[in-house]
Structures are given as C-alpha cells and as structure tokens.
Amino acid sequence: MSWPALADVDLVRAHLVGAARARTALTYAELINALGYPFSRPKVRQLRATLTAIDEDAAATGEPGLAVLVVRASDGVPGQGWWTGNARRLGYGGPWEGPEAAAVVAAEQARAFDRYAAR
C-alpha cells in the first residue's frame, strides 16, 4: 500500500522545518497524523525513506539534518533507521537508547533548531 504524503519530500520537510522553528521534536505518530494518516508500522517504514532523502539533501547543502526531529514517543530518540544512517557520520559508537543516545540526539536537534529558528 502507498501513502503519497509520506513520500512527499517537500511536504514532510515543511513539517520538519516548522518543528525546528518551534524548537520541538515530533513523534512518528504526530508526523504521520499531521500528514493525514493513522499511525502504523508500515507507514513508519515508508516515512523512513523520505526522512533519509531529506537528510541527504541537507548534507549536500551543508545544512543540519532534520530527521533527528522525528522521535519515538517512548524515549524521545529516533529509531534504528536514523542511527544506522547517522551514527558513523557523527563518530558515535555507543548505544542507540538511554542517556548517552539522548545526549547525541539533543545536540543534533539543537543544530537543527538553531539553523531554522533563526530564519
């Protein structure tokens, strides 16, 4: 099944830029709901591809990634897909959950907040 809004890079990016300007993260469910769909795991998988594309575009232009703003409701950190794409780039080899992971996420979120809140 396909959910077009989840694959719309410009639309998803606009939601993330809005979150960055508000200096807040969004849960996967909040973002999926804002795009007009009820939450489900298959939608998270489709959204992950869009988030990867958004971060690849950001890296190409020297901007901070925005996918770090999409987090699990349970612990406030991104899921495995974000970590597999970013841990090496960040030089991070620690756990993907817990306080150490949360500190890495907070630092990356602060970069996005600072970049877009100032605009």
PDB file of N, CA and C in Angstrom:
ATOM      1  N   MET A   1       0.842  -1.187   0.000  1.00  0.00           N
ATOM      2  CA  MET A   1       0.000   0.000   0.000  1.00  0.00           C
ATOM      3  C   MET A   1       0.884   1.247   0.000  1.00  0.00           C
ATOM      4  N   SER A   2       0.375   2.292  -0.576  1.00  0.00           N
ATOM      5  CA  SER A   2       1.142   3.529  -0.690  1.00  0.00           C
ATOM      6  C   SER A   2       0.387   4.676  -0.022  1.00  0.00           C
ATOM      7  N   TRP A   3       1.130   5.528   0.625  1.00  0.00           N
ATOM      8  CA  TRP A   3       0.580   6.715   1.263  1.00  0.00           C
ATOM      9  C   TRP A   3       1.364   7.896   0.703  1.00  0.00           C
ATOM     10  N   PRO A   4       0.847   8.558  -0.328  1.00  0.00           N
ATOM     11  CA  PRO A   4       1.617   9.571  -1.065  1.00  0.00           C
ATOM     12  C   PRO A   4       2.222  10.675  -0.206  1.00  0.00           C
ATOM     13  N   ALA A   5       1.499  11.154   0.782  1.00  0.00           N
ATOM     14  CA  ALA A   5       2.040  12.256   1.586  1.00  0.00           C
ATOM     15  C   ALA A   5       3.300  11.840   2.339  1.00  0.00           C
ATOM     16  N   LEU A   6       3.417  10.557   2.693  1.00  0.00           N
ATOM     17  CA  LEU A   6       4.606  10.094   3.412  1.00  0.00           C
ATOM     18  C   LEU A   6       5.843  10.111   2.523  1.00  0.00           C
ATOM     19  N   ALA A   7       5.646  10.062   1.221  1.00  0.00           N
ATOM     20  CA  ALA A   7       6.762  10.071   0.272  1.00  0.00           C
ATOM     21  C   ALA A   7       7.023  11.450  -0.312  1.00  0.00           C
ATOM     22  N   ASP A   8       6.244  12.436   0.079  1.00  0.00           N
ATOM     23  CA  ASP A   8       6.372  13.791  -0.452  1.00  0.00           C
ATOM     24  C   ASP A   8       7.463  14.532   0.329  1.00  0.00           C
ATOM     25  N   VAL A   9       8.654  14.554  -0.241  1.00  0.00           N
ATOM     26  CA  VAL A   9       9.814  15.139   0.439  1.00  0.00           C
ATOM     27  C   VAL A   9       9.555  16.586   0.834  1.00  0.00           C
ATOM     28  N   ASP A  10       8.991  17.379  -0.052  1.00  0.00           N
ATOM     29  CA  ASP A  10       8.765  18.792   0.253  1.00  0.00           C
ATOM     30  C   ASP A  10       7.757  18.967   1.391  1.00  0.00           C
ATOM     31  N   LEU A  11       6.700  18.177   1.379  1.00  0.00           N
ATOM     32  CA  LEU A  11       5.681  18.268   2.426  1.00  0.00           C
ATOM     33  C   LEU A  11       6.231  17.840   3.774  1.00  0.00           C
ATOM     34  N   VAL A  12       6.916  16.715   3.814  1.00  0.00           N
ATOM     35  CA  VAL A  12       7.488  16.236   5.076  1.00  0.00           C
ATOM     36  C   VAL A  12       8.540  17.219   5.568  1.00  0.00           C
ATOM     37  N   ARG A  13       9.377  17.711   4.671  1.00  0.00           N
ATOM     38  CA  ARG A  13      10.395  18.688   5.063  1.00  0.00           C
ATOM     39  C   ARG A  13       9.756  19.945   5.649  1.00  0.00           C
ATOM     40  N   ALA A  14       8.664  20.401   5.072  1.00  0.00           N
ATOM     41  CA  ALA A  14       7.974  21.584   5.598  1.00  0.00           C
ATOM     42  C   ALA A  14       7.516  21.355   7.036  1.00  0.00           C
ATOM     43  N   HIS A  15       7.006  20.176   7.327  1.00  0.00           N
ATOM     44  CA  HIS A  15       6.608  19.863   8.711  1.00  0.00           C
ATOM     45  C   HIS A  15       7.823  19.882   9.639  1.00  0.00           C
ATOM     46  N   LEU A  16       8.938  19.343   9.163  1.00  0.00           N
ATOM     47  CA  LEU A  16      10.139  19.300   9.996  1.00  0.00           C
ATOM     48  C   LEU A  16      10.744  20.680  10.208  1.00  0.00           C
ATOM     49  N   VAL A  17      10.736  21.500   9.181  1.00  0.00           N
ATOM     50  CA  VAL A  17      11.222  22.872   9.339  1.00  0.00           C
ATOM     51  C   VAL A  17      10.331  23.617  10.334  1.00  0.00           C
ATOM     52  N   GLY A  18       9.031  23.401  10.261  1.00  0.00           N
ATOM     53  CA  GLY A  18       8.116  24.011  11.228  1.00  0.00           C
ATOM     54  C   GLY A  18       8.416  23.573  12.645  1.00  0.00           C
ATOM     55  N   ALA A  19       8.701  22.289  12.815  1.00  0.00           N
ATOM     56  CA  ALA A  19       9.060  21.780  14.147  1.00  0.00           C
ATOM     57  C   ALA A  19      10.375  22.396  14.621  1.00  0.00           C
ATOM     58  N   ALA A  20      11.349  22.499  13.712  1.00  0.00           N
ATOM     59  CA  ALA A  20      12.632  23.100  14.086  1.00  0.00           C
ATOM     60  C   ALA A  20      12.450  24.555  14.493  1.00  0.00           C
ATOM     61  N   ARG A  21      11.635  25.276  13.746  1.00  0.00           N
ATOM     62  CA  ARG A  21      11.383  26.683  14.097  1.00  0.00           C
ATOM     63  C   ARG A  21      10.711  26.809  15.457  1.00  0.00           C
ATOM     64  N   ALA A  22       9.870  25.832  15.793  1.00  0.00           N
ATOM     65  CA  ALA A  22       9.199  25.816  17.099  1.00  0.00           C
ATOM     66  C   ALA A  22      10.090  25.209  18.181  1.00  0.00           C
ATOM     67  N   ARG A  23      11.284  24.754  17.768  1.00  0.00           N
ATOM     68  CA  ARG A  23      12.246  24.129  18.682  1.00  0.00           C
ATOM     69  C   ARG A  23      11.633  22.938  19.401  1.00  0.00           C
ATOM     70  N   THR A  24      11.004  22.073  18.611  1.00  0.00           N
ATOM     71  CA  THR A  24      10.375  20.887  19.183  1.00  0.00           C
ATOM     72  C   THR A  24      10.585  19.680  18.275  1.00  0.00           C
ATOM     73  N   ALA A  25      10.557  18.522  18.861  1.00  0.00           N
ATOM     74  CA  ALA A  25      10.592  17.278  18.097  1.00  0.00           C
ATOM     75  C   ALA A  25       9.159  16.804  17.889  1.00  0.00           C
ATOM     76  N   LEU A  26       8.989  15.908  16.926  1.00  0.00           N
ATOM     77  CA  LEU A  26       7.696  15.288  16.649  1.00  0.00           C
ATOM     78  C   LEU A  26       7.841  13.784  16.820  1.00  0.00           C
ATOM     79  N   THR A  27       6.841  13.150  17.376  1.00  0.00           N
ATOM     80  CA  THR A  27       6.881  11.693  17.390  1.00  0.00           C
ATOM     81  C   THR A  27       6.516  11.194  15.998  1.00  0.00           C
ATOM     82  N   TYR A  28       6.864   9.949  15.727  1.00  0.00           N
ATOM     83  CA  TYR A  28       6.478   9.358  14.443  1.00  0.00           C
ATOM     84  C   TYR A  28       4.971   9.457  14.265  1.00  0.00           C
ATOM     85  N   ALA A  29       4.222   9.169  15.317  1.00  0.00           N
ATOM     86  CA  ALA A  29       2.755   9.224  15.230  1.00  0.00           C
ATOM     87  C   ALA A  29       2.271  10.642  14.949  1.00  0.00           C
ATOM     88  N   GLU A  30       2.850  11.636  15.607  1.00  0.00           N
ATOM     89  CA  GLU A  30       2.434  13.020  15.376  1.00  0.00           C
ATOM     90  C   GLU A  30       2.657  13.431  13.928  1.00  0.00           C
ATOM     91  N   LEU A  31       3.811  13.082  13.368  1.00  0.00           N
ATOM     92  CA  LEU A  31       4.093  13.459  11.993  1.00  0.00           C
ATOM     93  C   LEU A  31       3.184  12.712  11.019  1.00  0.00           C
ATOM     94  N   ILE A  32       3.016  11.432  11.228  1.00  0.00           N
ATOM     95  CA  ILE A  32       2.141  10.649  10.351  1.00  0.00           C
ATOM     96  C   ILE A  32       0.709  11.167  10.427  1.00  0.00           C
ATOM     97  N   ASN A  33       0.238  11.478  11.621  1.00  0.00           N
ATOM     98  CA  ASN A  33      -1.108  12.049  11.774  1.00  0.00           C
ATOM     99  C   ASN A  33      -1.212  13.405  11.093  1.00  0.00           C
ATOM    100  N   ALA A  34      -0.177  14.245  11.221  1.00  0.00           N
ATOM    101  CA  ALA A  34      -0.191  15.566  10.582  1.00  0.00           C
ATOM    102  C   ALA A  34      -0.235  15.455   9.064  1.00  0.00           C
ATOM    103  N   LEU A  35       0.264  14.348   8.541  1.00  0.00           N
ATOM    104  CA  LEU A  35       0.232  14.105   7.098  1.00  0.00           C
ATOM    105  C   LEU A  35      -1.088  13.476   6.648  1.00  0.00           C
ATOM    106  N   GLY A  36      -1.982  13.241   7.616  1.00  0.00           N
ATOM    107  CA  GLY A  36      -3.329  12.785   7.294  1.00  0.00           C
ATOM    108  C   GLY A  36      -3.598  11.303   7.410  1.00  0.00           C
ATOM    109  N   TYR A  37      -2.727  10.581   8.107  1.00  0.00           N
ATOM    110  CA  TYR A  37      -2.888   9.135   8.215  1.00  0.00           C
ATOM    111  C   TYR A  37      -2.888   8.688   9.669  1.00  0.00           C
ATOM    112  N   PRO A  38      -3.555   7.578   9.959  1.00  0.00           N
ATOM    113  CA  PRO A  38      -3.409   6.982  11.285  1.00  0.00           C
ATOM    114  C   PRO A  38      -2.050   6.273  11.363  1.00  0.00           C
ATOM    115  N   PHE A  39      -1.500   6.222  12.529  1.00  0.00           N
ATOM    116  CA  PHE A  39      -0.186   5.618  12.740  1.00  0.00           C
ATOM    117  C   PHE A  39      -0.217   4.114  12.484  1.00  0.00           C
ATOM    118  N   SER A  40       0.833   3.613  11.839  1.00  0.00           N
ATOM    119  CA  SER A  40       1.076   2.175  11.727  1.00  0.00           C
ATOM    120  C   SER A  40       2.551   1.970  11.426  1.00  0.00           C
ATOM    121  N   ARG A  41       3.061   0.794  11.740  1.00  0.00           N
ATOM    122  CA  ARG A  41       4.475   0.476  11.488  1.00  0.00           C
ATOM    123  C   ARG A  41       4.830   0.542   9.997  1.00  0.00           C
ATOM    124  N   PRO A  42       3.977   0.028   9.096  1.00  0.00           N
ATOM    125  CA  PRO A  42       4.325   0.150   7.673  1.00  0.00           C
ATOM    126  C   PRO A  42       4.485   1.607   7.229  1.00  0.00           C
ATOM    127  N   LYS A  43       3.720   2.510   7.818  1.00  0.00           N
ATOM    128  CA  LYS A  43       3.863   3.925   7.466  1.00  0.00           C
ATOM    129  C   LYS A  43       5.190   4.477   7.971  1.00  0.00           C
ATOM    130  N   VAL A  44       5.634   4.015   9.130  1.00  0.00           N
ATOM    131  CA  VAL A  44       6.940   4.439   9.642  1.00  0.00           C
ATOM    132  C   VAL A  44       8.026   4.009   8.669  1.00  0.00           C
ATOM    133  N   ARG A  45       7.933   2.797   8.153  1.00  0.00           N
ATOM    134  CA  ARG A  45       8.937   2.314   7.197  1.00  0.00           C
ATOM    135  C   ARG A  45       8.951   3.182   5.935  1.00  0.00           C
ATOM    136  N   GLN A  46       7.785   3.547   5.436  1.00  0.00           N
ATOM    137  CA  GLN A  46       7.747   4.405   4.248  1.00  0.00           C
ATOM    138  C   GLN A  46       8.286   5.795   4.580  1.00  0.00           C
ATOM    139  N   LEU A  47       7.924   6.323   5.735  1.00  0.00           N
ATOM    140  CA  LEU A  47       8.402   7.642   6.149  1.00  0.00           C
ATOM    141  C   LEU A  47       9.919   7.655   6.288  1.00  0.00           C
ATOM    142  N   ARG A  48      10.490   6.564   6.746  1.00  0.00           N
ATOM    143  CA  ARG A  48      11.944   6.495   6.944  1.00  0.00           C
ATOM    144  C   ARG A  48      12.690   6.796   5.639  1.00  0.00           C
ATOM    145  N   ALA A  49      12.202   6.291   4.519  1.00  0.00           N
ATOM    146  CA  ALA A  49      12.861   6.556   3.230  1.00  0.00           C
ATOM    147  C   ALA A  49      12.817   8.048   2.896  1.00  0.00           C
ATOM    148  N   THR A  50      11.716   8.682   3.203  1.00  0.00           N
ATOM    149  CA  THR A  50      11.585  10.118   2.950  1.00  0.00           C
ATOM    150  C   THR A  50      12.511  10.912   3.864  1.00  0.00           C
ATOM    151  N   LEU A  51      12.593  10.522   5.117  1.00  0.00           N
ATOM    152  CA  LEU A  51      13.484  11.196   6.064  1.00  0.00           C
ATOM    153  C   LEU A  51      14.945  11.069   5.629  1.00  0.00           C
ATOM    154  N   THR A  52      15.307   9.905   5.109  1.00  0.00           N
ATOM    155  CA  THR A  52      16.665   9.707   4.611  1.00  0.00           C
ATOM    156  C   THR A  52      16.944  10.647   3.446  1.00  0.00           C
ATOM    157  N   ALA A  53      16.001  10.767   2.531  1.00  0.00           N
ATOM    158  CA  ALA A  53      16.170  11.670   1.383  1.00  0.00           C
ATOM    159  C   ALA A  53      16.316  13.117   1.842  1.00  0.00           C
ATOM    160  N   ILE A  54      15.537  13.513   2.834  1.00  0.00           N
ATOM    161  CA  ILE A  54      15.614  14.879   3.360  1.00  0.00           C
ATOM    162  C   ILE A  54      16.992  15.137   3.962  1.00  0.00           C
ATOM    163  N   ASP A  55      17.513  14.189   4.729  1.00  0.00           N
ATOM    164  CA  ASP A  55      18.827  14.376   5.335  1.00  0.00           C
ATOM    165  C   ASP A  55      19.942  14.339   4.292  1.00  0.00           C
ATOM    166  N   GLU A  56      19.791  13.531   3.258  1.00  0.00           N
ATOM    167  CA  GLU A  56      20.792  13.520   2.188  1.00  0.00           C
ATOM    168  C   GLU A  56      20.829  14.869   1.475  1.00  0.00           C
ATOM    169  N   ASP A  57      19.668  15.451   1.225  1.00  0.00           N
ATOM    170  CA  ASP A  57      19.604  16.784   0.615  1.00  0.00           C
ATOM    171  C   ASP A  57      20.254  17.824   1.523  1.00  0.00           C
ATOM    172  N   ALA A  58      19.981  17.733   2.817  1.00  0.00           N
ATOM    173  CA  ALA A  58      20.560  18.687   3.767  1.00  0.00           C
ATOM    174  C   ALA A  58      22.081  18.569   3.784  1.00  0.00           C
ATOM    175  N   ALA A  59      22.588  17.349   3.805  1.00  0.00           N
ATOM    176  CA  ALA A  59      24.038  17.140   3.828  1.00  0.00           C
ATOM    177  C   ALA A  59      24.692  17.719   2.577  1.00  0.00           C
ATOM    178  N   ALA A  60      24.020  17.603   1.451  1.00  0.00           N
ATOM    179  CA  ALA A  60      24.573  18.106   0.190  1.00  0.00           C
ATOM    180  C   ALA A  60      24.691  19.623   0.173  1.00  0.00           C
ATOM    181  N   THR A  61      23.861  20.300   0.977  1.00  0.00           N
ATOM    182  CA  THR A  61      23.898  21.760   1.020  1.00  0.00           C
ATOM    183  C   THR A  61      24.541  22.295   2.304  1.00  0.00           C
ATOM    184  N   GLY A  62      25.070  21.400   3.128  1.00  0.00           N
ATOM    185  CA  GLY A  62      25.739  21.815   4.356  1.00  0.00           C
ATOM    186  C   GLY A  62      24.812  22.187   5.490  1.00  0.00           C
ATOM    187  N   GLU A  63      23.544  21.825   5.377  1.00  0.00           N
ATOM    188  CA  GLU A  63      22.589  22.127   6.443  1.00  0.00           C
ATOM    189  C   GLU A  63      22.494  20.951   7.408  1.00  0.00           C
ATOM    190  N   PRO A  64      22.068  21.214   8.636  1.00  0.00           N
ATOM    191  CA  PRO A  64      21.880  20.108   9.576  1.00  0.00           C
ATOM    192  C   PRO A  64      20.706  19.231   9.146  1.00  0.00           C
ATOM    193  N   GLY A  65      20.767  17.975   9.516  1.00  0.00           N
ATOM    194  CA  GLY A  65      19.676  17.058   9.228  1.00  0.00           C
ATOM    195  C   GLY A  65      18.425  17.414  10.011  1.00  0.00           C
ATOM    196  N   LEU A  66      17.301  17.020   9.471  1.00  0.00           N
ATOM    197  CA  LEU A  66      16.015  17.263  10.128  1.00  0.00           C
ATOM    198  C   LEU A  66      15.372  15.983  10.632  1.00  0.00           C
ATOM    199  N   ALA A  67      15.805  14.829  10.130  1.00  0.00           N
ATOM    200  CA  ALA A  67      15.191  13.569  10.544  1.00  0.00           C
ATOM    201  C   ALA A  67      15.353  13.316  12.035  1.00  0.00           C
ATOM    202  N   VAL A  68      16.374  13.900  12.642  1.00  0.00           N
ATOM    203  CA  VAL A  68      16.601  13.745  14.076  1.00  0.00           C
ATOM    204  C   VAL A  68      15.439  14.310  14.902  1.00  0.00           C
ATOM    205  N   LEU A  69      14.599  15.111  14.261  1.00  0.00           N
ATOM    206  CA  LEU A  69      13.447  15.698  14.961  1.00  0.00           C
ATOM    207  C   LEU A  69      12.278  14.736  15.062  1.00  0.00           C
ATOM    208  N   VAL A  70      12.363  13.593  14.400  1.00  0.00           N
ATOM    209  CA  VAL A  70      11.290  12.595  14.447  1.00  0.00           C
ATOM    210  C   VAL A  70      11.734  11.492  15.404  1.00  0.00           C
ATOM    211  N   VAL A  71      10.989  11.358  16.500  1.00  0.00           N
ATOM    212  CA  VAL A  71      11.422  10.502  17.603  1.00  0.00           C
ATOM    213  C   VAL A  71      10.328   9.533  18.045  1.00  0.00           C
ATOM    214  N   ARG A  72      10.769   8.528  18.767  1.00  0.00           N
ATOM    215  CA  ARG A  72       9.814   7.586  19.371  1.00  0.00           C
ATOM    216  C   ARG A  72       9.158   8.253  20.582  1.00  0.00           C
ATOM    217  N   ALA A  73       7.886   8.015  20.747  1.00  0.00           N
ATOM    218  CA  ALA A  73       7.173   8.562  21.906  1.00  0.00           C
ATOM    219  C   ALA A  73       7.702   7.956  23.204  1.00  0.00           C
ATOM    220  N   SER A  74       8.168   6.736  23.144  1.00  0.00           N
ATOM    221  CA  SER A  74       8.590   6.026  24.354  1.00  0.00           C
ATOM    222  C   SER A  74       9.821   6.621  25.019  1.00  0.00           C
ATOM    223  N   ASP A  75      10.773   7.133  24.223  1.00  0.00           N
ATOM    224  CA  ASP A  75      12.003   7.617  24.844  1.00  0.00           C
ATOM    225  C   ASP A  75      12.559   8.910  24.245  1.00  0.00           C
ATOM    226  N   GLY A  76      11.891   9.451  23.233  1.00  0.00           N
ATOM    227  CA  GLY A  76      12.310  10.736  22.688  1.00  0.00           C
ATOM    228  C   GLY A  76      13.547  10.709  21.812  1.00  0.00           C
ATOM    229  N   VAL A  77      13.937   9.535  21.326  1.00  0.00           N
ATOM    230  CA  VAL A  77      15.058   9.447  20.394  1.00  0.00           C
ATOM    231  C   VAL A  77      14.579   8.801  19.099  1.00  0.00           C
ATOM    232  N   PRO A  78      15.273   9.082  17.994  1.00  0.00           N
ATOM    233  CA  PRO A  78      14.886   8.473  16.722  1.00  0.00           C
ATOM    234  C   PRO A  78      15.061   6.958  16.749  1.00  0.00           C
ATOM    235  N   GLY A  79      14.432   6.320  15.801  1.00  0.00           N
ATOM    236  CA  GLY A  79      14.524   4.876  15.689  1.00  0.00           C
ATOM    237  C   GLY A  79      15.801   4.413  15.014  1.00  0.00           C
ATOM    238  N   GLN A  80      15.895   3.113  14.839  1.00  0.00           N
ATOM    239  CA  GLN A  80      17.072   2.463  14.294  1.00  0.00           C
ATOM    240  C   GLN A  80      17.485   3.022  12.934  1.00  0.00           C
ATOM    241  N   GLY A  81      16.517   3.349  12.076  1.00  0.00           N
ATOM    242  CA  GLY A  81      16.843   3.866  10.753  1.00  0.00           C
ATOM    243  C   GLY A  81      17.677   5.130  10.817  1.00  0.00           C
ATOM    244  N   TRP A  82      17.390   6.003  11.755  1.00  0.00           N
ATOM    245  CA  TRP A  82      18.185   7.226  11.899  1.00  0.00           C
ATOM    246  C   TRP A  82      19.601   6.883  12.356  1.00  0.00           C
ATOM    247  N   TRP A  83      19.697   5.998  13.316  1.00  0.00           N
ATOM    248  CA  TRP A  83      21.011   5.645  13.847  1.00  0.00           C
ATOM    249  C   TRP A  83      21.890   4.977  12.802  1.00  0.00           C
ATOM    250  N   THR A  84      21.329   4.058  12.021  1.00  0.00           N
ATOM    251  CA  THR A  84      22.148   3.360  11.029  1.00  0.00           C
ATOM    252  C   THR A  84      22.676   4.331   9.982  1.00  0.00           C
ATOM    253  N   GLY A  85      21.944   5.391   9.718  1.00  0.00           N
ATOM    254  CA  GLY A  85      22.390   6.370   8.737  1.00  0.00           C
ATOM    255  C   GLY A  85      23.264   7.466   9.296  1.00  0.00           C
ATOM    256  N   ASN A  86      23.272   7.642  10.612  1.00  0.00           N
ATOM    257  CA  ASN A  86      23.955   8.804  11.181  1.00  0.00           C
ATOM    258  C   ASN A  86      25.025   8.515  12.219  1.00  0.00           C
ATOM    259  N   ALA A  87      25.007   7.367  12.859  1.00  0.00           N
ATOM    260  CA  ALA A  87      25.968   7.098  13.938  1.00  0.00           C
ATOM    261  C   ALA A  87      27.406   7.209  13.425  1.00  0.00           C
ATOM    262  N   ARG A  88      27.682   6.612  12.281  1.00  0.00           N
ATOM    263  CA  ARG A  88      29.049   6.670  11.746  1.00  0.00           C
ATOM    264  C   ARG A  88      29.427   8.097  11.381  1.00  0.00           C
ATOM    265  N   ARG A  89      28.515   8.810  10.719  1.00  0.00           N
ATOM    266  CA  ARG A  89      28.785  10.196  10.333  1.00  0.00           C
ATOM    267  C   ARG A  89      29.127  11.047  11.548  1.00  0.00           C
ATOM    268  N   LEU A  90      28.479  10.767  12.669  1.00  0.00           N
ATOM    269  CA  LEU A  90      28.701  11.518  13.901  1.00  0.00           C
ATOM    270  C   LEU A  90      29.889  11.001  14.701  1.00  0.00           C
ATOM    271  N   GLY A  91      30.484   9.890  14.265  1.00  0.00           N
ATOM    272  CA  GLY A  91      31.570   9.293  15.024  1.00  0.00           C
ATOM    273  C   GLY A  91      31.092   8.695  16.329  1.00  0.00           C
ATOM    274  N   TYR A  92      29.840   8.255  16.349  1.00  0.00           N
ATOM    275  CA  TYR A  92      29.235   7.740  17.571  1.00  0.00           C
ATOM    276  C   TYR A  92      29.122   6.227  17.498  1.00  0.00           C
ATOM    277  N   GLY A  93      29.658   5.543  18.502  1.00  0.00           N
ATOM    278  CA  GLY A  93      29.593   4.083  18.540  1.00  0.00           C
ATOM    279  C   GLY A  93      28.900   3.541  19.771  1.00  0.00           C
ATOM    280  N   GLY A  94      28.193   4.409  20.472  1.00  0.00           N
ATOM    281  CA  GLY A  94      27.538   3.990  21.699  1.00  0.00           C
ATOM    282  C   GLY A  94      26.160   3.389  21.462  1.00  0.00           C
ATOM    283  N   PRO A  95      25.417   3.202  22.547  1.00  0.00           N
ATOM    284  CA  PRO A  95      24.076   2.612  22.444  1.00  0.00           C
ATOM    285  C   PRO A  95      23.105   3.562  21.749  1.00  0.00           C
ATOM    286  N   TRP A  96      22.075   2.998  21.163  1.00  0.00           N
ATOM    287  CA  TRP A  96      21.069   3.785  20.453  1.00  0.00           C
ATOM    288  C   TRP A  96      19.873   4.098  21.337  1.00  0.00           C
ATOM    289  N   GLU A  97      19.991   3.816  22.604  1.00  0.00           N
ATOM    290  CA  GLU A  97      18.962   4.126  23.598  1.00  0.00           C
ATOM    291  C   GLU A  97      19.665   4.583  24.862  1.00  0.00           C
ATOM    292  N   GLY A  98      18.927   5.247  25.730  1.00  0.00           N
ATOM    293  CA  GLY A  98      19.484   5.651  27.011  1.00  0.00           C
ATOM    294  C   GLY A  98      20.060   7.056  26.992  1.00  0.00           C
ATOM    295  N   PRO A  99      20.666   7.455  28.124  1.00  0.00           N
ATOM    296  CA  PRO A  99      21.126   8.828  28.297  1.00  0.00           C
ATOM    297  C   PRO A  99      22.199   9.262  27.303  1.00  0.00           C
ATOM    298  N   GLU A 100      23.115   8.376  26.963  1.00  0.00           N
ATOM    299  CA  GLU A 100      24.178   8.736  26.022  1.00  0.00           C
ATOM    300  C   GLU A 100      23.584   9.014  24.635  1.00  0.00           C
ATOM    301  N   ALA A 101      22.667   8.175  24.216  1.00  0.00           N
ATOM    302  CA  ALA A 101      21.989   8.379  22.926  1.00  0.00           C
ATOM    303  C   ALA A 101      21.172   9.664  22.963  1.00  0.00           C
ATOM    304  N   ALA A 102      20.470   9.893  24.057  1.00  0.00           N
ATOM    305  CA  ALA A 102      19.656  11.102  24.187  1.00  0.00           C
ATOM    306  C   ALA A 102      20.510  12.355  24.092  1.00  0.00           C
ATOM    307  N   ALA A 103      21.726  12.318  24.624  1.00  0.00           N
ATOM    308  CA  ALA A 103      22.621  13.480  24.556  1.00  0.00           C
ATOM    309  C   ALA A 103      23.054  13.746  23.115  1.00  0.00           C
ATOM    310  N   VAL A 104      23.346  12.690  22.361  1.00  0.00           N
ATOM    311  CA  VAL A 104      23.718  12.845  20.955  1.00  0.00           C
ATOM    312  C   VAL A 104      22.551  13.444  20.183  1.00  0.00           C
ATOM    313  N   VAL A 105      21.365  12.927  20.423  1.00  0.00           N
ATOM    314  CA  VAL A 105      20.161  13.408  19.738  1.00  0.00           C
ATOM    315  C   VAL A 105      19.912  14.868  20.091  1.00  0.00           C
ATOM    316  N   ALA A 106      20.029  15.219  21.363  1.00  0.00           N
ATOM    317  CA  ALA A 106      19.800  16.603  21.786  1.00  0.00           C
ATOM    318  C   ALA A 106      20.767  17.559  21.087  1.00  0.00           C
ATOM    319  N   ALA A 107      22.015  17.150  20.938  1.00  0.00           N
ATOM    320  CA  ALA A 107      22.995  18.007  20.261  1.00  0.00           C
ATOM    321  C   ALA A 107      22.641  18.183  18.786  1.00  0.00           C
ATOM    322  N   GLU A 108      22.231  17.111  18.126  1.00  0.00           N
ATOM    323  CA  GLU A 108      21.848  17.203  16.714  1.00  0.00           C
ATOM    324  C   GLU A 108      20.554  18.007  16.545  1.00  0.00           C
ATOM    325  N   GLN A 109      19.623  17.832  17.466  1.00  0.00           N
ATOM    326  CA  GLN A 109      18.390  18.621  17.410  1.00  0.00           C
ATOM    327  C   GLN A 109      18.695  20.095  17.615  1.00  0.00           C
ATOM    328  N   ALA A 110      19.598  20.408  18.509  1.00  0.00           N
ATOM    329  CA  ALA A 110      19.963  21.811  18.757  1.00  0.00           C
ATOM    330  C   ALA A 110      20.527  22.455  17.492  1.00  0.00           C
ATOM    331  N   ARG A 111      21.298  21.702  16.716  1.00  0.00           N
ATOM    332  CA  ARG A 111      21.830  22.229  15.451  1.00  0.00           C
ATOM    333  C   ARG A 111      20.679  22.584  14.509  1.00  0.00           C
ATOM    334  N   ALA A 112      19.698  21.708  14.411  1.00  0.00           N
ATOM    335  CA  ALA A 112      18.542  21.980  13.539  1.00  0.00           C
ATOM    336  C   ALA A 112      17.734  23.159  14.082  1.00  0.00           C
ATOM    337  N   PHE A 113      17.501  23.173  15.381  1.00  0.00           N
ATOM    338  CA  PHE A 113      16.745  24.279  15.977  1.00  0.00           C
ATOM    339  C   PHE A 113      17.435  25.612  15.700  1.00  0.00           C
ATOM    340  N   ASP A 114      18.733  25.660  15.949  1.00  0.00           N
ATOM    341  CA  ASP A 114      19.478  26.905  15.763  1.00  0.00           C
ATOM    342  C   ASP A 114      19.456  27.361  14.307  1.00  0.00           C
ATOM    343  N   ARG A 115      19.546  26.435  13.390  1.00  0.00           N
ATOM    344  CA  ARG A 115      19.566  26.773  11.964  1.00  0.00           C
ATOM    345  C   ARG A 115      18.227  27.340  11.505  1.00  0.00           C
ATOM    346  N   TYR A 116      17.140  26.713  11.913  1.00  0.00           N
ATOM    347  CA  TYR A 116      15.834  27.097  11.371  1.00  0.00           C
ATOM    348  C   TYR A 116      15.071  28.083  12.258  1.00  0.00           C
ATOM    349  N   ALA A 117      15.329  28.096  13.549  1.00  0.00           N
ATOM    350  CA  ALA A 117      14.634  29.045  14.424  1.00  0.00           C
ATOM    351  C   ALA A 117      15.087  30.468  14.141  1.00  0.00           C
ATOM    352  N   ALA A 118      16.296  30.605  13.646  1.00  0.00           N
ATOM    353  CA  ALA A 118      16.845  31.935  13.356  1.00  0.00           C
ATOM    354  C   ALA A 118      16.311  32.517  12.063  1.00  0.00           C
ATOM    355  N   ARG A 119      15.656  31.707  11.242  1.00  0.00           N
ATOM    356  CA  ARG A 119      15.164  32.174   9.938  1.00  0.00           C
ATOM    357  C   ARG A 119      13.811  32.804  10.044  1.00  0.00           C
TER     358      ARG A 119
END
